Amino acid sequence: MIMSLLKKCLFTAICIVSTTALIAADPGKDKEPFDFGGKMTDEELRQTGLDQLDPEQMAQLNSWMRGYLGQKEENMRVEMVQIVEKQRVERRKTKERFFGFFNREDKLKEIAAEEVVESIESRIPGVIYGWRGNTVFHLENGQVWRQGKTGGTYAKKFTDPEIIISKRGESYWLQIKGSKASVQVSRVR
């Protein structure tokens, strides 16, 4: 029982070391086929009991190990791609959270600048009747924007309008999608 458990532990350790070695190998070089006999000393083969395998059994084990390691390598590659994508999405969400806050430029500089946010899209839930002077826009994403220049008006009814807020120079502009209507805004929250 204990010997069986030790063999399983050793086999797992060998798999981990082999996987690490394969992944660390230069991808430009041809990988030599995995071979327990070529990787382990005679003593290690004897201690693990692998010395008792006939050549056909050893070939089957090596073949299985190559498939196993190839699958592990592919799984790790897929996992890394998913992690990198998740981090990219989180960075973008953080940047969008701070989009429009002039007084938070220092915070934006702390965030890795892979993807600059030039605009955001959201929706204004409910009915709005354009803007008059000092209108406050509560967006579906939780952001709050205020009309920038007082006095400008636009009178038209919009129901749950989709909007785009984009930066133009040093100003931010809210535009109703599907309309030419736009207004200068500043971020409140």
N, C-alpha and C. Protein backbone atom coordinates (compact mmCIF):
# COMPACT_ATOMS: atom_id res chain seq x y z
N MET A 1 0.83 -1.20 0.00
CA MET A 1 0.00 0.00 0.00
C MET A 1 0.87 1.25 0.00
N ILE A 2 1.84 1.31 0.94
CA ILE A 2 2.72 2.47 1.01
C ILE A 2 3.59 2.55 -0.23
N MET A 3 4.07 1.38 -0.71
CA MET A 3 4.91 1.37 -1.91
C MET A 3 4.11 1.86 -3.12
N SER A 4 2.84 1.47 -3.20
CA SER A 4 1.99 1.92 -4.30
C SER A 4 1.79 3.44 -4.25
N LEU A 5 1.59 3.96 -3.05
CA LEU A 5 1.42 5.40 -2.87
C LEU A 5 2.71 6.14 -3.24
N LEU A 6 3.86 5.58 -2.83
CA LEU A 6 5.14 6.19 -3.17
C LEU A 6 5.36 6.21 -4.68
N LYS A 7 4.99 5.11 -5.35
CA LYS A 7 5.13 5.05 -6.81
C LYS A 7 4.26 6.11 -7.48
N LYS A 8 3.03 6.28 -6.97
CA LYS A 8 2.13 7.29 -7.54
C LYS A 8 2.71 8.69 -7.33
N CYS A 9 3.24 8.93 -6.14
CA CYS A 9 3.84 10.23 -5.85
C CYS A 9 5.05 10.49 -6.75
N LEU A 10 5.89 9.47 -6.91
CA LEU A 10 7.06 9.61 -7.76
C LEU A 10 6.65 9.84 -9.21
N PHE A 11 5.65 9.10 -9.66
CA PHE A 11 5.16 9.25 -11.03
C PHE A 11 4.63 10.66 -11.24
N THR A 12 3.87 11.18 -10.27
CA THR A 12 3.34 12.54 -10.36
C THR A 12 4.48 13.55 -10.40
N ALA A 13 5.48 13.35 -9.56
CA ALA A 13 6.64 14.26 -9.54
C ALA A 13 7.36 14.23 -10.88
N ILE A 14 7.51 13.04 -11.44
CA ILE A 14 8.16 12.91 -12.75
C ILE A 14 7.35 13.66 -13.80
N CYS A 15 6.04 13.52 -13.75
CA CYS A 15 5.16 14.22 -14.71
C CYS A 15 5.31 15.74 -14.59
N ILE A 16 5.34 16.21 -13.37
CA ILE A 16 5.46 17.66 -13.15
C ILE A 16 6.80 18.16 -13.66
N VAL A 17 7.87 17.47 -13.30
CA VAL A 17 9.21 17.88 -13.74
C VAL A 17 9.30 17.82 -15.26
N SER A 18 8.76 16.77 -15.85
CA SER A 18 8.80 16.62 -17.31
C SER A 18 8.00 17.71 -17.98
N THR A 19 6.82 18.02 -17.45
CA THR A 19 5.99 19.07 -18.02
C THR A 19 6.71 20.40 -17.95
N THR A 20 7.29 20.70 -16.82
CA THR A 20 8.03 21.94 -16.65
C THR A 20 9.17 22.01 -17.65
N ALA A 21 9.88 20.92 -17.81
CA ALA A 21 11.01 20.88 -18.74
C ALA A 21 10.53 21.11 -20.17
N LEU A 22 9.42 20.51 -20.54
CA LEU A 22 8.90 20.69 -21.89
C LEU A 22 8.46 22.12 -22.14
N ILE A 23 7.80 22.71 -21.16
CA ILE A 23 7.31 24.07 -21.33
C ILE A 23 8.46 25.05 -21.36
N ALA A 24 9.49 24.81 -20.56
CA ALA A 24 10.63 25.71 -20.50
C ALA A 24 11.52 25.59 -21.74
N ALA A 25 11.38 24.51 -22.48
CA ALA A 25 12.22 24.30 -23.65
C ALA A 25 11.96 25.39 -24.69
N ASP A 26 12.98 25.71 -25.45
CA ASP A 26 12.85 26.71 -26.50
C ASP A 26 11.88 26.19 -27.55
N PRO A 27 10.75 26.90 -27.80
CA PRO A 27 9.77 26.40 -28.75
C PRO A 27 10.31 26.34 -30.17
N GLY A 28 11.40 27.05 -30.44
CA GLY A 28 11.97 27.02 -31.77
C GLY A 28 12.76 25.74 -32.04
N LYS A 29 13.18 25.06 -31.01
CA LYS A 29 13.96 23.84 -31.17
C LYS A 29 13.02 22.65 -31.27
N ASP A 30 13.45 21.64 -32.03
CA ASP A 30 12.66 20.41 -32.09
C ASP A 30 12.75 19.72 -30.75
N LYS A 31 11.61 19.33 -30.21
CA LYS A 31 11.59 18.64 -28.92
C LYS A 31 11.93 17.18 -29.16
N GLU A 32 12.84 16.66 -28.36
CA GLU A 32 13.17 15.25 -28.50
C GLU A 32 12.06 14.45 -27.82
N PRO A 33 11.68 13.33 -28.39
CA PRO A 33 10.59 12.54 -27.81
C PRO A 33 10.92 12.12 -26.38
N PHE A 34 9.90 12.16 -25.54
CA PHE A 34 10.10 11.80 -24.14
C PHE A 34 10.46 10.32 -24.04
N ASP A 35 11.45 10.01 -23.18
CA ASP A 35 11.88 8.63 -22.99
C ASP A 35 12.33 8.47 -21.54
N PHE A 36 11.55 7.69 -20.75
CA PHE A 36 11.91 7.47 -19.36
C PHE A 36 13.31 6.88 -19.26
N GLY A 37 13.60 5.93 -20.14
CA GLY A 37 14.91 5.26 -20.10
C GLY A 37 16.05 6.24 -20.34
N GLY A 38 15.82 7.24 -21.15
CA GLY A 38 16.86 8.23 -21.44
C GLY A 38 16.93 9.33 -20.40
N LYS A 39 15.88 9.51 -19.63
CA LYS A 39 15.83 10.59 -18.65
C LYS A 39 16.22 10.14 -17.24
N MET A 40 16.07 8.85 -16.95
CA MET A 40 16.29 8.35 -15.59
C MET A 40 17.56 7.51 -15.55
N THR A 41 18.21 7.53 -14.40
CA THR A 41 19.38 6.68 -14.21
C THR A 41 18.90 5.24 -14.00
N ASP A 42 19.85 4.32 -14.10
CA ASP A 42 19.50 2.91 -13.85
C ASP A 42 18.95 2.74 -12.44
N GLU A 43 19.51 3.46 -11.49
CA GLU A 43 19.05 3.39 -10.10
C GLU A 43 17.61 3.89 -9.98
N GLU A 44 17.31 4.99 -10.66
CA GLU A 44 15.95 5.54 -10.61
C GLU A 44 14.95 4.58 -11.27
N LEU A 45 15.37 3.98 -12.37
CA LEU A 45 14.51 2.99 -13.04
C LEU A 45 14.23 1.82 -12.10
N ARG A 46 15.27 1.35 -11.40
CA ARG A 46 15.12 0.24 -10.48
C ARG A 46 14.22 0.62 -9.30
N GLN A 47 14.44 1.82 -8.72
CA GLN A 47 13.66 2.26 -7.56
C GLN A 47 12.17 2.41 -7.90
N THR A 48 11.88 2.81 -9.11
CA THR A 48 10.47 3.00 -9.50
C THR A 48 9.84 1.73 -10.05
N GLY A 49 10.66 0.72 -10.30
CA GLY A 49 10.13 -0.52 -10.85
C GLY A 49 9.99 -0.48 -12.36
N LEU A 50 10.38 0.63 -12.97
CA LEU A 50 10.26 0.75 -14.43
C LEU A 50 11.27 -0.14 -15.15
N ASP A 51 12.31 -0.58 -14.46
CA ASP A 51 13.30 -1.48 -15.07
C ASP A 51 12.71 -2.85 -15.37
N GLN A 52 11.54 -3.14 -14.78
CA GLN A 52 10.90 -4.44 -14.98
C GLN A 52 10.01 -4.46 -16.23
N LEU A 53 9.85 -3.32 -16.87
CA LEU A 53 9.03 -3.27 -18.08
C LEU A 53 9.83 -3.78 -19.26
N ASP A 54 9.14 -4.55 -20.13
CA ASP A 54 9.83 -4.98 -21.35
C ASP A 54 9.83 -3.80 -22.33
N PRO A 55 10.63 -3.88 -23.41
CA PRO A 55 10.77 -2.74 -24.33
C PRO A 55 9.42 -2.24 -24.89
N GLU A 56 8.49 -3.16 -25.16
CA GLU A 56 7.18 -2.75 -25.69
C GLU A 56 6.39 -1.97 -24.64
N GLN A 57 6.44 -2.43 -23.39
CA GLN A 57 5.74 -1.72 -22.32
C GLN A 57 6.36 -0.34 -22.09
N MET A 58 7.69 -0.27 -22.13
CA MET A 58 8.37 1.02 -21.96
C MET A 58 7.99 1.96 -23.10
N ALA A 59 7.92 1.43 -24.31
CA ALA A 59 7.53 2.26 -25.46
C ALA A 59 6.10 2.78 -25.28
N GLN A 60 5.20 1.92 -24.78
CA GLN A 60 3.81 2.34 -24.53
C GLN A 60 3.76 3.43 -23.46
N LEU A 61 4.54 3.25 -22.39
CA LEU A 61 4.57 4.24 -21.31
C LEU A 61 5.12 5.57 -21.83
N ASN A 62 6.21 5.52 -22.61
CA ASN A 62 6.78 6.74 -23.17
C ASN A 62 5.78 7.43 -24.10
N SER A 63 5.08 6.65 -24.90
CA SER A 63 4.08 7.19 -25.82
C SER A 63 2.95 7.87 -25.04
N TRP A 64 2.48 7.19 -24.00
CA TRP A 64 1.42 7.77 -23.17
C TRP A 64 1.90 9.07 -22.52
N MET A 65 3.14 9.06 -22.01
CA MET A 65 3.68 10.23 -21.35
C MET A 65 3.79 11.41 -22.31
N ARG A 66 4.20 11.16 -23.56
CA ARG A 66 4.28 12.23 -24.55
C ARG A 66 2.90 12.84 -24.78
N GLY A 67 1.88 11.99 -24.90
CA GLY A 67 0.51 12.49 -25.07
C GLY A 67 0.04 13.26 -23.86
N TYR A 68 0.32 12.73 -22.69
CA TYR A 68 -0.08 13.35 -21.43
C TYR A 68 0.57 14.73 -21.29
N LEU A 69 1.89 14.78 -21.53
CA LEU A 69 2.61 16.04 -21.40
C LEU A 69 2.17 17.05 -22.46
N GLY A 70 1.89 16.56 -23.66
CA GLY A 70 1.40 17.45 -24.72
C GLY A 70 0.07 18.07 -24.34
N GLN A 71 -0.82 17.26 -23.76
CA GLN A 71 -2.12 17.77 -23.32
C GLN A 71 -1.96 18.75 -22.17
N LYS A 72 -1.07 18.43 -21.21
CA LYS A 72 -0.82 19.34 -20.09
C LYS A 72 -0.28 20.67 -20.60
N GLU A 73 0.64 20.60 -21.55
CA GLU A 73 1.23 21.82 -22.10
C GLU A 73 0.15 22.66 -22.79
N GLU A 74 -0.72 22.02 -23.54
CA GLU A 74 -1.81 22.73 -24.22
C GLU A 74 -2.77 23.34 -23.20
N ASN A 75 -3.11 22.57 -22.15
CA ASN A 75 -4.00 23.09 -21.10
C ASN A 75 -3.39 24.31 -20.42
N MET A 76 -2.08 24.25 -20.14
CA MET A 76 -1.41 25.38 -19.51
C MET A 76 -1.39 26.59 -20.43
N ARG A 77 -1.19 26.36 -21.73
CA ARG A 77 -1.19 27.45 -22.70
C ARG A 77 -2.57 28.11 -22.73
N VAL A 78 -3.63 27.31 -22.76
CA VAL A 78 -5.00 27.84 -22.77
C VAL A 78 -5.28 28.61 -21.49
N GLU A 79 -4.86 28.06 -20.35
CA GLU A 79 -5.04 28.75 -19.06
C GLU A 79 -4.34 30.10 -19.05
N MET A 80 -3.12 30.15 -19.57
CA MET A 80 -2.38 31.41 -19.59
C MET A 80 -3.08 32.44 -20.47
N VAL A 81 -3.59 32.01 -21.62
CA VAL A 81 -4.32 32.92 -22.50
C VAL A 81 -5.55 33.46 -21.78
N GLN A 82 -6.27 32.60 -21.06
CA GLN A 82 -7.45 33.03 -20.32
C GLN A 82 -7.08 34.01 -19.20
N ILE A 83 -5.99 33.75 -18.50
CA ILE A 83 -5.56 34.65 -17.43
C ILE A 83 -5.19 36.01 -18.00
N VAL A 84 -4.44 36.04 -19.08
CA VAL A 84 -4.03 37.30 -19.70
C VAL A 84 -5.25 38.08 -20.17
N GLU A 85 -6.22 37.40 -20.77
CA GLU A 85 -7.44 38.06 -21.24
C GLU A 85 -8.24 38.62 -20.07
N LYS A 86 -8.35 37.86 -18.99
CA LYS A 86 -9.08 38.33 -17.80
C LYS A 86 -8.41 39.57 -17.23
N GLN A 87 -7.07 39.58 -17.18
CA GLN A 87 -6.35 40.75 -16.67
C GLN A 87 -6.57 41.95 -17.57
N ARG A 88 -6.59 41.73 -18.90
CA ARG A 88 -6.83 42.82 -19.84
C ARG A 88 -8.22 43.42 -19.63
N VAL A 89 -9.22 42.57 -19.45
CA VAL A 89 -10.59 43.04 -19.22
C VAL A 89 -10.67 43.82 -17.92
N GLU A 90 -10.01 43.33 -16.87
CA GLU A 90 -10.03 44.02 -15.58
C GLU A 90 -9.35 45.38 -15.68
N ARG A 91 -8.22 45.46 -16.41
CA ARG A 91 -7.55 46.75 -16.59
C ARG A 91 -8.46 47.73 -17.32
N ARG A 92 -9.15 47.23 -18.35
CA ARG A 92 -10.05 48.10 -19.12
C ARG A 92 -11.19 48.59 -18.22
N LYS A 93 -11.76 47.70 -17.39
CA LYS A 93 -12.84 48.12 -16.49
C LYS A 93 -12.34 49.19 -15.53
N THR A 94 -11.12 49.02 -15.02
CA THR A 94 -10.56 50.02 -14.11
C THR A 94 -10.40 51.35 -14.83
N LYS A 95 -9.88 51.31 -16.03
CA LYS A 95 -9.71 52.54 -16.80
C LYS A 95 -11.05 53.20 -17.08
N GLU A 96 -12.06 52.41 -17.40
CA GLU A 96 -13.39 52.97 -17.65
C GLU A 96 -13.97 53.59 -16.38
N ARG A 97 -13.68 52.99 -15.22
CA ARG A 97 -14.17 53.55 -13.97
C ARG A 97 -13.62 54.95 -13.74
N PHE A 98 -12.37 55.20 -14.15
CA PHE A 98 -11.76 56.50 -13.94
C PHE A 98 -11.89 57.43 -15.14
N PHE A 99 -12.45 56.94 -16.24
CA PHE A 99 -12.61 57.74 -17.45
C PHE A 99 -13.41 59.01 -17.14
N GLY A 100 -12.85 60.17 -17.48
CA GLY A 100 -13.57 61.43 -17.29
C GLY A 100 -13.21 62.17 -16.02
N PHE A 101 -12.42 61.60 -15.15
CA PHE A 101 -12.02 62.28 -13.93
C PHE A 101 -10.67 62.94 -14.18
N PHE A 102 -10.68 64.25 -14.42
CA PHE A 102 -9.42 64.96 -14.64
C PHE A 102 -8.54 64.90 -13.40
N ASN A 103 -9.15 64.95 -12.22
CA ASN A 103 -8.38 64.95 -10.98
C ASN A 103 -7.86 63.57 -10.61
N ARG A 104 -8.07 62.59 -11.43
CA ARG A 104 -7.59 61.24 -11.13
C ARG A 104 -6.53 60.77 -12.13
N GLU A 105 -5.93 61.73 -12.82
CA GLU A 105 -4.91 61.37 -13.80
C GLU A 105 -3.78 60.57 -13.17
N ASP A 106 -3.43 60.90 -11.91
CA ASP A 106 -2.35 60.16 -11.23
C ASP A 106 -2.73 58.69 -11.09
N LYS A 107 -4.00 58.39 -10.86
CA LYS A 107 -4.46 57.01 -10.73
C LYS A 107 -4.35 56.29 -12.07
N LEU A 108 -4.70 57.00 -13.14
CA LEU A 108 -4.61 56.40 -14.47
C LEU A 108 -3.17 56.06 -14.84
N LYS A 109 -2.23 56.87 -14.39
CA LYS A 109 -0.83 56.61 -14.70
C LYS A 109 -0.32 55.35 -14.01
N GLU A 110 -0.96 54.97 -12.90
CA GLU A 110 -0.56 53.76 -12.19
C GLU A 110 -0.99 52.50 -12.93
N ILE A 111 -1.98 52.63 -13.78
CA ILE A 111 -2.52 51.48 -14.50
C ILE A 111 -1.68 51.26 -15.76
N ALA A 112 -1.30 50.02 -16.02
CA ALA A 112 -0.52 49.73 -17.23
C ALA A 112 -1.29 50.22 -18.45
N ALA A 113 -0.62 50.98 -19.32
CA ALA A 113 -1.30 51.64 -20.43
C ALA A 113 -1.23 50.81 -21.71
N GLU A 114 -1.78 49.62 -21.69
CA GLU A 114 -1.85 48.80 -22.90
C GLU A 114 -2.96 49.29 -23.82
N GLU A 115 -4.07 49.67 -23.22
CA GLU A 115 -5.24 50.03 -23.99
C GLU A 115 -5.80 51.34 -23.47
N VAL A 116 -5.69 52.39 -24.26
CA VAL A 116 -6.18 53.70 -23.85
C VAL A 116 -7.68 53.76 -24.11
N VAL A 117 -8.43 54.21 -23.12
CA VAL A 117 -9.87 54.33 -23.28
C VAL A 117 -10.16 55.71 -23.86
N GLU A 118 -10.67 55.73 -25.07
CA GLU A 118 -11.00 56.99 -25.74
C GLU A 118 -12.49 57.29 -25.64
N SER A 119 -13.29 56.26 -25.36
CA SER A 119 -14.73 56.46 -25.25
C SER A 119 -15.34 55.31 -24.46
N ILE A 120 -16.55 55.56 -23.96
CA ILE A 120 -17.30 54.50 -23.29
C ILE A 120 -18.70 54.49 -23.88
N GLU A 121 -19.35 53.35 -23.78
CA GLU A 121 -20.73 53.22 -24.23
C GLU A 121 -21.56 52.75 -23.07
N SER A 122 -22.75 53.30 -22.96
CA SER A 122 -23.67 52.89 -21.91
C SER A 122 -25.09 53.24 -22.36
N ARG A 123 -25.97 53.33 -21.40
CA ARG A 123 -27.37 53.65 -21.68
C ARG A 123 -27.86 54.56 -20.56
N ILE A 124 -28.78 55.44 -20.88
CA ILE A 124 -29.45 56.25 -19.86
C ILE A 124 -30.81 55.60 -19.65
N PRO A 125 -31.01 54.93 -18.50
CA PRO A 125 -32.28 54.24 -18.29
C PRO A 125 -33.44 55.22 -18.14
N GLY A 126 -34.58 54.85 -18.70
CA GLY A 126 -35.78 55.68 -18.58
C GLY A 126 -35.91 56.65 -19.74
N VAL A 127 -36.74 57.65 -19.52
CA VAL A 127 -37.04 58.65 -20.55
C VAL A 127 -36.31 59.94 -20.20
N ILE A 128 -35.63 60.51 -21.20
CA ILE A 128 -35.05 61.84 -21.01
C ILE A 128 -35.61 62.73 -22.13
N TYR A 129 -35.69 64.00 -21.84
CA TYR A 129 -36.21 64.97 -22.80
C TYR A 129 -35.10 65.94 -23.21
N GLY A 130 -34.02 65.37 -23.71
CA GLY A 130 -32.89 66.19 -24.12
C GLY A 130 -32.18 66.76 -22.91
N TRP A 131 -31.67 67.99 -23.03
CA TRP A 131 -30.97 68.64 -21.93
C TRP A 131 -31.22 70.13 -21.97
N ARG A 132 -31.21 70.70 -20.81
CA ARG A 132 -31.49 72.13 -20.66
C ARG A 132 -30.54 72.72 -19.61
N GLY A 133 -29.49 73.32 -20.06
CA GLY A 133 -28.63 74.06 -19.14
C GLY A 133 -27.69 73.23 -18.30
N ASN A 134 -28.20 72.59 -17.24
CA ASN A 134 -27.34 71.92 -16.28
C ASN A 134 -27.85 70.50 -16.01
N THR A 135 -28.20 69.77 -17.06
CA THR A 135 -28.78 68.43 -16.93
C THR A 135 -27.74 67.44 -16.38
N VAL A 136 -28.20 66.54 -15.52
CA VAL A 136 -27.36 65.47 -14.97
C VAL A 136 -27.80 64.16 -15.61
N PHE A 137 -26.82 63.39 -16.10
CA PHE A 137 -27.10 62.13 -16.78
C PHE A 137 -26.64 60.98 -15.89
N HIS A 138 -27.56 60.12 -15.47
CA HIS A 138 -27.25 58.94 -14.67
C HIS A 138 -27.20 57.75 -15.63
N LEU A 139 -26.01 57.18 -15.79
CA LEU A 139 -25.83 56.09 -16.76
C LEU A 139 -26.10 54.74 -16.13
N GLU A 140 -26.42 53.79 -16.97
CA GLU A 140 -26.69 52.42 -16.54
C GLU A 140 -25.47 51.79 -15.87
N ASN A 141 -24.27 52.20 -16.27
CA ASN A 141 -23.04 51.63 -15.70
C ASN A 141 -22.68 52.23 -14.34
N GLY A 142 -23.54 53.14 -13.81
CA GLY A 142 -23.31 53.73 -12.50
C GLY A 142 -22.63 55.08 -12.54
N GLN A 143 -22.10 55.47 -13.68
CA GLN A 143 -21.45 56.77 -13.80
C GLN A 143 -22.50 57.88 -13.85
N VAL A 144 -22.10 59.05 -13.37
CA VAL A 144 -22.97 60.23 -13.42
C VAL A 144 -22.19 61.35 -14.10
N TRP A 145 -22.80 61.97 -15.10
CA TRP A 145 -22.18 63.05 -15.86
C TRP A 145 -23.12 64.26 -15.82
N ARG A 146 -22.54 65.45 -15.86
CA ARG A 146 -23.32 66.69 -15.85
C ARG A 146 -23.01 67.46 -17.13
N GLN A 147 -24.07 68.08 -17.65
CA GLN A 147 -23.90 68.92 -18.83
C GLN A 147 -22.83 69.96 -18.53
N GLY A 148 -21.88 70.11 -19.45
CA GLY A 148 -20.73 70.97 -19.18
C GLY A 148 -21.00 72.44 -19.31
N LYS A 149 -21.61 72.85 -20.38
CA LYS A 149 -21.85 74.28 -20.59
C LYS A 149 -23.31 74.58 -20.32
N THR A 150 -23.56 75.49 -19.41
CA THR A 150 -24.95 75.85 -19.12
C THR A 150 -25.52 76.66 -20.28
N GLY A 151 -26.78 76.57 -20.43
CA GLY A 151 -27.45 77.36 -21.46
C GLY A 151 -27.76 76.58 -22.72
N GLY A 152 -26.95 75.57 -23.06
CA GLY A 152 -27.24 74.80 -24.26
C GLY A 152 -28.45 73.91 -24.05
N THR A 153 -29.36 73.90 -25.00
CA THR A 153 -30.56 73.06 -24.86
C THR A 153 -30.76 72.20 -26.09
N TYR A 154 -31.43 71.09 -25.87
CA TYR A 154 -31.82 70.21 -26.96
C TYR A 154 -33.09 69.52 -26.49
N ALA A 155 -34.17 69.75 -27.16
CA ALA A 155 -35.46 69.23 -26.70
C ALA A 155 -35.95 68.13 -27.63
N LYS A 156 -35.80 66.89 -27.16
CA LYS A 156 -36.33 65.74 -27.88
C LYS A 156 -36.46 64.61 -26.88
N LYS A 157 -37.49 63.81 -27.04
CA LYS A 157 -37.72 62.70 -26.11
C LYS A 157 -36.92 61.47 -26.56
N PHE A 158 -36.20 60.89 -25.60
CA PHE A 158 -35.45 59.66 -25.84
C PHE A 158 -35.84 58.65 -24.75
N THR A 159 -36.09 57.40 -25.14
CA THR A 159 -36.42 56.35 -24.17
C THR A 159 -35.27 55.36 -24.13
N ASP A 160 -34.69 55.19 -22.93
CA ASP A 160 -33.55 54.29 -22.73
C ASP A 160 -32.49 54.45 -23.82
N PRO A 161 -32.06 55.67 -24.07
CA PRO A 161 -31.12 55.85 -25.18
C PRO A 161 -29.74 55.27 -24.90
N GLU A 162 -29.18 54.67 -25.92
CA GLU A 162 -27.78 54.24 -25.85
C GLU A 162 -26.94 55.46 -26.14
N ILE A 163 -25.84 55.61 -25.38
CA ILE A 163 -25.00 56.80 -25.54
C ILE A 163 -23.54 56.40 -25.68
N ILE A 164 -22.79 57.33 -26.21
CA ILE A 164 -21.33 57.21 -26.29
C ILE A 164 -20.77 58.49 -25.68
N ILE A 165 -19.84 58.34 -24.76
CA ILE A 165 -19.12 59.52 -24.25
C ILE A 165 -17.69 59.38 -24.74
N SER A 166 -17.23 60.39 -25.46
CA SER A 166 -15.88 60.34 -26.01
C SER A 166 -15.12 61.60 -25.64
N LYS A 167 -13.81 61.45 -25.63
CA LYS A 167 -12.95 62.58 -25.31
C LYS A 167 -12.54 63.24 -26.61
N ARG A 168 -12.75 64.56 -26.67
CA ARG A 168 -12.34 65.35 -27.83
C ARG A 168 -11.47 66.48 -27.30
N GLY A 169 -10.18 66.36 -27.51
CA GLY A 169 -9.25 67.33 -26.94
C GLY A 169 -9.24 67.19 -25.43
N GLU A 170 -9.58 68.27 -24.73
CA GLU A 170 -9.63 68.24 -23.26
C GLU A 170 -11.07 68.11 -22.75
N SER A 171 -12.03 67.96 -23.65
CA SER A 171 -13.45 67.90 -23.27
C SER A 171 -14.02 66.52 -23.51
N TYR A 172 -15.12 66.24 -22.82
CA TYR A 172 -15.87 65.00 -23.01
C TYR A 172 -17.23 65.34 -23.58
N TRP A 173 -17.67 64.52 -24.53
CA TRP A 173 -18.94 64.78 -25.20
C TRP A 173 -19.82 63.55 -25.13
N LEU A 174 -21.07 63.76 -24.75
CA LEU A 174 -22.07 62.69 -24.71
C LEU A 174 -22.87 62.78 -25.99
N GLN A 175 -22.99 61.67 -26.69
CA GLN A 175 -23.78 61.64 -27.92
C GLN A 175 -24.80 60.52 -27.82
N ILE A 176 -26.02 60.81 -28.22
CA ILE A 176 -27.08 59.80 -28.28
C ILE A 176 -26.84 58.99 -29.55
N LYS A 177 -26.73 57.67 -29.41
CA LYS A 177 -26.51 56.81 -30.59
C LYS A 177 -27.68 56.94 -31.55
N GLY A 178 -27.37 56.97 -32.83
CA GLY A 178 -28.41 57.06 -33.85
C GLY A 178 -28.93 58.48 -34.02
N SER A 179 -28.27 59.44 -33.41
CA SER A 179 -28.70 60.83 -33.47
C SER A 179 -27.45 61.69 -33.60
N LYS A 180 -27.62 62.89 -34.12
CA LYS A 180 -26.50 63.82 -34.17
C LYS A 180 -26.42 64.64 -32.90
N ALA A 181 -27.37 64.41 -31.98
CA ALA A 181 -27.43 65.19 -30.74
C ALA A 181 -26.25 64.85 -29.85
N SER A 182 -25.50 65.88 -29.44
CA SER A 182 -24.40 65.68 -28.50
C SER A 182 -24.28 66.90 -27.62
N VAL A 183 -23.68 66.69 -26.45
CA VAL A 183 -23.53 67.76 -25.49
C VAL A 183 -22.23 67.56 -24.72
N GLN A 184 -21.56 68.66 -24.40
CA GLN A 184 -20.33 68.60 -23.62
C GLN A 184 -20.71 68.23 -22.18
N VAL A 185 -19.95 67.31 -21.57
CA VAL A 185 -20.26 66.85 -20.21
C VAL A 185 -18.97 66.78 -19.39
N SER A 186 -19.16 66.70 -18.07
CA SER A 186 -18.04 66.45 -17.16
C SER A 186 -18.48 65.39 -16.16
N ARG A 187 -17.54 64.58 -15.73
CA ARG A 187 -17.84 63.46 -14.85
C ARG A 187 -18.08 63.95 -13.43
N VAL A 188 -19.19 63.50 -12.83
CA VAL A 188 -19.53 63.84 -11.45
C VAL A 188 -19.19 62.67 -10.54
N ARG A 189 -19.56 61.47 -10.93
CA ARG A 189 -19.33 60.26 -10.13
C ARG A 189 -19.10 59.09 -11.05
